[in-house]
Amino acid sequence: MRHPDGLHKLALVAFVVTSALVIITGAVWGITVLTMRRSQTIVQPANTAIGGFPMSGRPAPDFNLIDQFGHSVTLSSLRGREVVLAFIDARCTTLCPLTAEILYDAKAQLRSSAARQVALVAINANPTATSIPEVQAWSIKHGMLHQWLFLTGTAKQLQSIYHLYQVYDQVSSSGDALHDPATFIIDANGREQLYFETLNSNSKSDLSSQVIGLEAGMRQWLPQPGN
């Protein structure tokens, strides 16, 4: 039979060991949770930007249209500059103004030397509103008159371009144009590289994410020296 003092000492030792294990386990758990939270804090904001969808790099279809000043413009005439090409309804008051805002703000984030290498181009997505005064008025209303080329042409010309770029575009019985809110990044060699779609949201966070994504795409495909 063990002496009572020995049993007391063994119980005390067991208590100390158990307490130490509890403290160590708690510390490890706390460090693990803190590490996970820090990882989430770092990673989460990186996922908020809305990036573009990579494309095949095929040559972008050429076109010959008229801008808001009555000048003839071809895609090939812009070779040597990165082209950010959007489809904009000349009578739209909802989604298309968001696209224009995103284009403007994304380019504004670039340094002036880089911004000069980027051409913002819009193609009229409403084949029933094709006049030069209409694309000019829309550009003025949304502060884009001297910020981009808003191109138009005959209904047949425009519909051919929708088909070539695989952009859905139909005019409803009420005269509204229903189209993909598409934006393409075309590199300085005239090849399609990225595809974006504007979200139908006025949320500041959504707009900011789209600006960040488009700006990153612009930076990625800026003309490089020697190319």
Protein backbone atom coordinates (compact mmCIF):
# COMPACT_ATOMS: atom_id res chain seq x y z
CA MET A 1 0.00 0.00 0.00
CA ARG A 2 1.29 3.46 -0.96
CA HIS A 3 1.91 6.04 1.68
CA PRO A 4 -0.74 8.87 1.74
CA ASP A 5 1.97 11.51 1.23
CA GLY A 6 3.11 9.67 -1.94
CA LEU A 7 -0.42 9.59 -3.31
CA HIS A 8 -0.80 13.27 -2.62
CA LYS A 9 2.43 14.05 -4.48
CA LEU A 10 1.36 11.92 -7.46
CA ALA A 11 -2.00 13.69 -7.61
CA LEU A 12 -0.25 17.06 -7.51
CA VAL A 13 2.10 16.07 -10.33
CA ALA A 14 -0.83 14.79 -12.42
CA PHE A 15 -2.67 18.07 -11.86
CA VAL A 16 0.34 20.15 -12.91
CA VAL A 17 0.90 18.03 -16.05
CA THR A 18 -2.79 18.20 -17.01
CA SER A 19 -2.85 21.96 -16.49
CA ALA A 20 0.24 22.40 -18.65
CA LEU A 21 -1.29 20.32 -21.43
CA VAL A 22 -4.47 22.43 -21.32
CA ILE A 23 -2.45 25.66 -21.50
CA ILE A 24 -0.31 24.38 -24.40
CA THR A 25 -3.37 23.14 -26.31
CA GLY A 26 -5.11 26.46 -25.81
CA ALA A 27 -2.08 28.39 -26.99
CA VAL A 28 -1.73 26.26 -30.14
CA TRP A 29 -5.46 26.67 -30.90
CA GLY A 30 -5.23 30.42 -30.38
CA ILE A 31 -2.23 30.76 -32.69
CA THR A 32 -3.99 28.65 -35.35
CA VAL A 33 -7.15 30.78 -35.23
CA LEU A 34 -5.14 34.02 -35.34
CA THR A 35 -3.15 32.75 -38.33
CA MET A 36 -6.35 31.78 -40.17
CA ARG A 37 -7.91 35.18 -39.53
CA ARG A 38 -4.80 36.98 -40.71
CA SER A 39 -4.76 34.84 -43.86
CA GLN A 40 -8.40 35.68 -44.54
CA THR A 41 -7.74 39.37 -44.01
CA ILE A 42 -4.95 39.32 -46.57
CA VAL A 43 -6.60 37.12 -49.19
CA GLN A 44 -10.16 38.40 -49.19
CA PRO A 45 -9.58 41.89 -50.69
CA ALA A 46 -7.56 40.38 -53.54
CA ASN A 47 -10.68 38.53 -54.66
CA THR A 48 -12.90 41.62 -54.86
CA ALA A 49 -11.56 42.89 -58.18
CA ILE A 50 -13.45 41.62 -61.22
CA GLY A 51 -10.93 40.57 -63.86
CA GLY A 52 -11.50 39.82 -67.51
CA PHE A 53 -11.85 36.49 -69.26
CA PRO A 54 -8.74 35.53 -71.28
CA MET A 55 -9.33 35.21 -75.02
CA SER A 56 -7.60 33.22 -77.74
CA GLY A 57 -5.43 36.05 -79.08
CA ARG A 58 -6.96 35.84 -82.55
CA PRO A 59 -6.90 38.97 -84.75
CA ALA A 60 -9.79 41.23 -83.82
CA PRO A 61 -12.20 41.77 -86.77
CA ASP A 62 -11.50 45.06 -88.55
CA PHE A 63 -14.21 47.63 -89.24
CA ASN A 64 -14.68 51.00 -90.91
CA LEU A 65 -17.11 53.31 -89.07
CA ILE A 66 -17.68 57.02 -88.36
CA ASP A 67 -16.90 58.67 -85.02
CA GLN A 68 -18.83 61.37 -83.15
CA PHE A 69 -17.01 64.07 -85.15
CA GLY A 70 -17.82 62.58 -88.55
CA HIS A 71 -14.35 61.09 -89.13
CA SER A 72 -13.79 57.66 -90.64
CA VAL A 73 -12.08 55.21 -88.25
CA THR A 74 -10.82 51.67 -88.81
CA LEU A 75 -9.55 49.33 -86.13
CA SER A 76 -6.36 48.80 -88.12
CA SER A 77 -5.69 52.56 -88.04
CA LEU A 78 -5.27 52.23 -84.25
CA ARG A 79 -2.55 49.57 -84.57
CA GLY A 80 0.36 50.27 -82.22
CA ARG A 81 -2.00 51.29 -79.39
CA GLU A 82 -3.95 49.11 -77.01
CA VAL A 83 -7.68 49.37 -77.83
CA VAL A 84 -10.37 49.03 -75.18
CA LEU A 85 -13.48 48.36 -77.23
CA ALA A 86 -16.98 48.56 -75.70
CA PHE A 87 -20.49 48.21 -77.12
CA ILE A 88 -22.67 51.18 -76.13
CA ASP A 89 -26.33 51.89 -76.97
CA ALA A 90 -26.62 55.51 -78.15
CA ARG A 91 -29.97 55.79 -76.32
CA CYS A 92 -29.14 53.84 -73.18
CA THR A 93 -29.66 55.51 -69.79
CA THR A 94 -28.93 52.58 -67.46
CA LEU A 95 -26.16 50.03 -68.01
CA CYS A 96 -24.15 51.75 -70.77
CA PRO A 97 -23.36 54.84 -68.65
CA LEU A 98 -21.82 52.46 -66.10
CA THR A 99 -19.60 50.98 -68.81
CA ALA A 100 -18.47 54.46 -69.88
CA GLU A 101 -17.72 55.39 -66.28
CA ILE A 102 -15.65 52.23 -65.76
CA LEU A 103 -13.67 52.85 -68.97
CA TYR A 104 -12.95 56.45 -68.02
CA ASP A 105 -11.97 55.70 -64.42
CA ALA A 106 -9.77 52.71 -65.32
CA LYS A 107 -7.79 54.71 -67.89
CA ALA A 108 -7.53 57.64 -65.46
CA GLN A 109 -5.62 55.38 -63.04
CA LEU A 110 -2.78 54.98 -65.57
CA ARG A 111 0.17 57.33 -65.74
CA SER A 112 -0.11 59.85 -68.56
CA SER A 113 2.60 58.10 -70.60
CA ALA A 114 0.71 54.79 -70.39
CA ALA A 115 -2.71 56.39 -70.91
CA ARG A 116 -1.52 57.83 -74.24
CA GLN A 117 -0.98 54.28 -75.46
CA VAL A 118 -4.61 53.29 -74.79
CA ALA A 119 -7.50 54.15 -77.12
CA LEU A 120 -11.03 53.94 -75.72
CA VAL A 121 -13.45 52.98 -78.48
CA ALA A 122 -17.23 52.44 -78.35
CA ILE A 123 -19.30 50.85 -81.09
CA ASN A 124 -22.94 51.88 -81.28
CA ALA A 125 -25.04 48.96 -80.01
CA ASN A 126 -28.34 50.42 -81.23
CA PRO A 127 -28.85 49.84 -84.98
CA THR A 128 -31.99 52.02 -84.90
CA ALA A 129 -30.18 55.08 -83.55
CA THR A 130 -27.25 55.41 -85.90
CA SER A 131 -26.85 59.13 -86.60
CA ILE A 132 -23.67 61.05 -85.78
CA PRO A 133 -25.63 63.62 -83.68
CA GLU A 134 -26.93 60.79 -81.49
CA VAL A 135 -23.51 59.32 -80.64
CA GLN A 136 -22.16 62.85 -80.20
CA ALA A 137 -24.99 63.86 -77.86
CA TRP A 138 -24.55 60.69 -75.79
CA SER A 139 -20.83 61.36 -75.50
CA ILE A 140 -21.43 64.95 -74.38
CA LYS A 141 -24.08 63.95 -71.83
CA HIS A 142 -21.76 61.44 -70.19
CA GLY A 143 -18.56 63.50 -70.30
CA MET A 144 -16.89 61.33 -72.95
CA LEU A 145 -16.84 63.63 -76.01
CA HIS A 146 -13.04 63.95 -76.06
CA GLN A 147 -12.29 60.81 -74.06
CA TRP A 148 -13.12 58.15 -76.65
CA LEU A 149 -14.20 57.40 -80.19
CA PHE A 150 -17.93 56.58 -80.32
CA LEU A 151 -18.38 54.88 -83.66
CA THR A 152 -21.53 54.39 -85.69
CA GLY A 153 -22.57 53.37 -89.20
CA THR A 154 -25.50 51.93 -91.05
CA ALA A 155 -27.67 49.32 -89.36
CA LYS A 156 -26.23 46.69 -91.70
CA GLN A 157 -22.63 47.66 -90.86
CA LEU A 158 -23.30 47.59 -87.13
CA GLN A 159 -25.12 44.27 -87.21
CA SER A 160 -22.25 42.75 -89.14
CA ILE A 161 -19.85 43.86 -86.40
CA TYR A 162 -22.07 42.42 -83.65
CA HIS A 163 -21.90 39.10 -85.49
CA LEU A 164 -18.13 39.25 -86.00
CA TYR A 165 -17.52 39.98 -82.30
CA GLN A 166 -20.20 37.47 -81.24
CA VAL A 167 -22.07 40.12 -79.27
CA TYR A 168 -25.79 39.50 -78.80
CA ASP A 169 -27.74 42.59 -79.89
CA GLN A 170 -31.46 42.84 -80.58
CA VAL A 171 -33.93 45.74 -80.61
CA SER A 172 -37.18 45.14 -78.75
CA SER A 173 -40.62 46.15 -80.01
CA SER A 174 -40.39 49.23 -77.76
CA GLY A 175 -37.17 50.33 -79.51
CA ASP A 176 -34.78 49.42 -76.69
CA ALA A 177 -31.53 47.71 -77.65
CA LEU A 178 -30.85 44.53 -75.70
CA HIS A 179 -27.17 43.64 -75.98
CA ASP A 180 -24.26 42.04 -74.21
CA PRO A 181 -22.53 44.70 -72.04
CA ALA A 182 -19.25 43.63 -73.61
CA THR A 183 -15.81 45.23 -73.45
CA PHE A 184 -12.75 43.81 -75.22
CA ILE A 185 -9.08 44.55 -74.70
CA ILE A 186 -7.24 44.37 -78.03
CA ASP A 187 -3.46 44.52 -77.90
CA ALA A 188 -1.23 46.81 -79.96
CA ASN A 189 -0.90 44.08 -82.60
CA GLY A 190 -4.66 43.95 -83.08
CA ARG A 191 -5.33 40.70 -81.21
CA GLU A 192 -8.18 40.00 -78.78
CA GLN A 193 -6.80 39.36 -75.29
CA LEU A 194 -9.44 39.98 -72.61
CA TYR A 195 -13.23 40.11 -72.39
CA PHE A 196 -15.25 41.94 -69.72
CA GLU A 197 -18.96 42.33 -69.00
CA THR A 198 -20.37 45.26 -67.04
CA LEU A 199 -22.38 44.32 -63.96
CA ASN A 200 -25.87 45.78 -63.76
CA SER A 201 -25.15 47.38 -60.40
CA ASN A 202 -24.71 50.94 -59.11
CA SER A 203 -22.96 49.67 -55.99
CA LYS A 204 -19.77 51.60 -55.32
CA SER A 205 -17.92 48.41 -54.41
CA ASP A 206 -19.02 46.70 -57.65
CA LEU A 207 -17.97 49.69 -59.74
CA SER A 208 -14.65 49.95 -57.92
CA SER A 209 -13.93 46.26 -58.45
CA GLN A 210 -14.65 46.54 -62.16
CA VAL A 211 -12.42 49.60 -62.49
CA ILE A 212 -9.58 47.74 -60.72
CA GLY A 213 -10.07 44.71 -62.97
CA LEU A 214 -10.13 46.71 -66.19
CA GLU A 215 -7.16 48.83 -65.12
CA ALA A 216 -5.17 45.65 -64.45
CA GLY A 217 -6.11 44.38 -67.90
CA MET A 218 -5.04 47.66 -69.49
CA ARG A 219 -1.68 47.52 -67.73
CA GLN A 220 -1.14 43.91 -68.75
CA TRP A 221 -1.54 44.62 -72.46
CA LEU A 222 0.18 48.00 -72.80
CA PRO A 223 2.49 48.13 -75.84
CA GLN A 224 6.01 47.04 -74.92
CA PRO A 225 9.18 48.69 -76.30
CA GLY A 226 10.37 46.93 -79.41
CA ASN A 227 6.98 45.32 -80.18
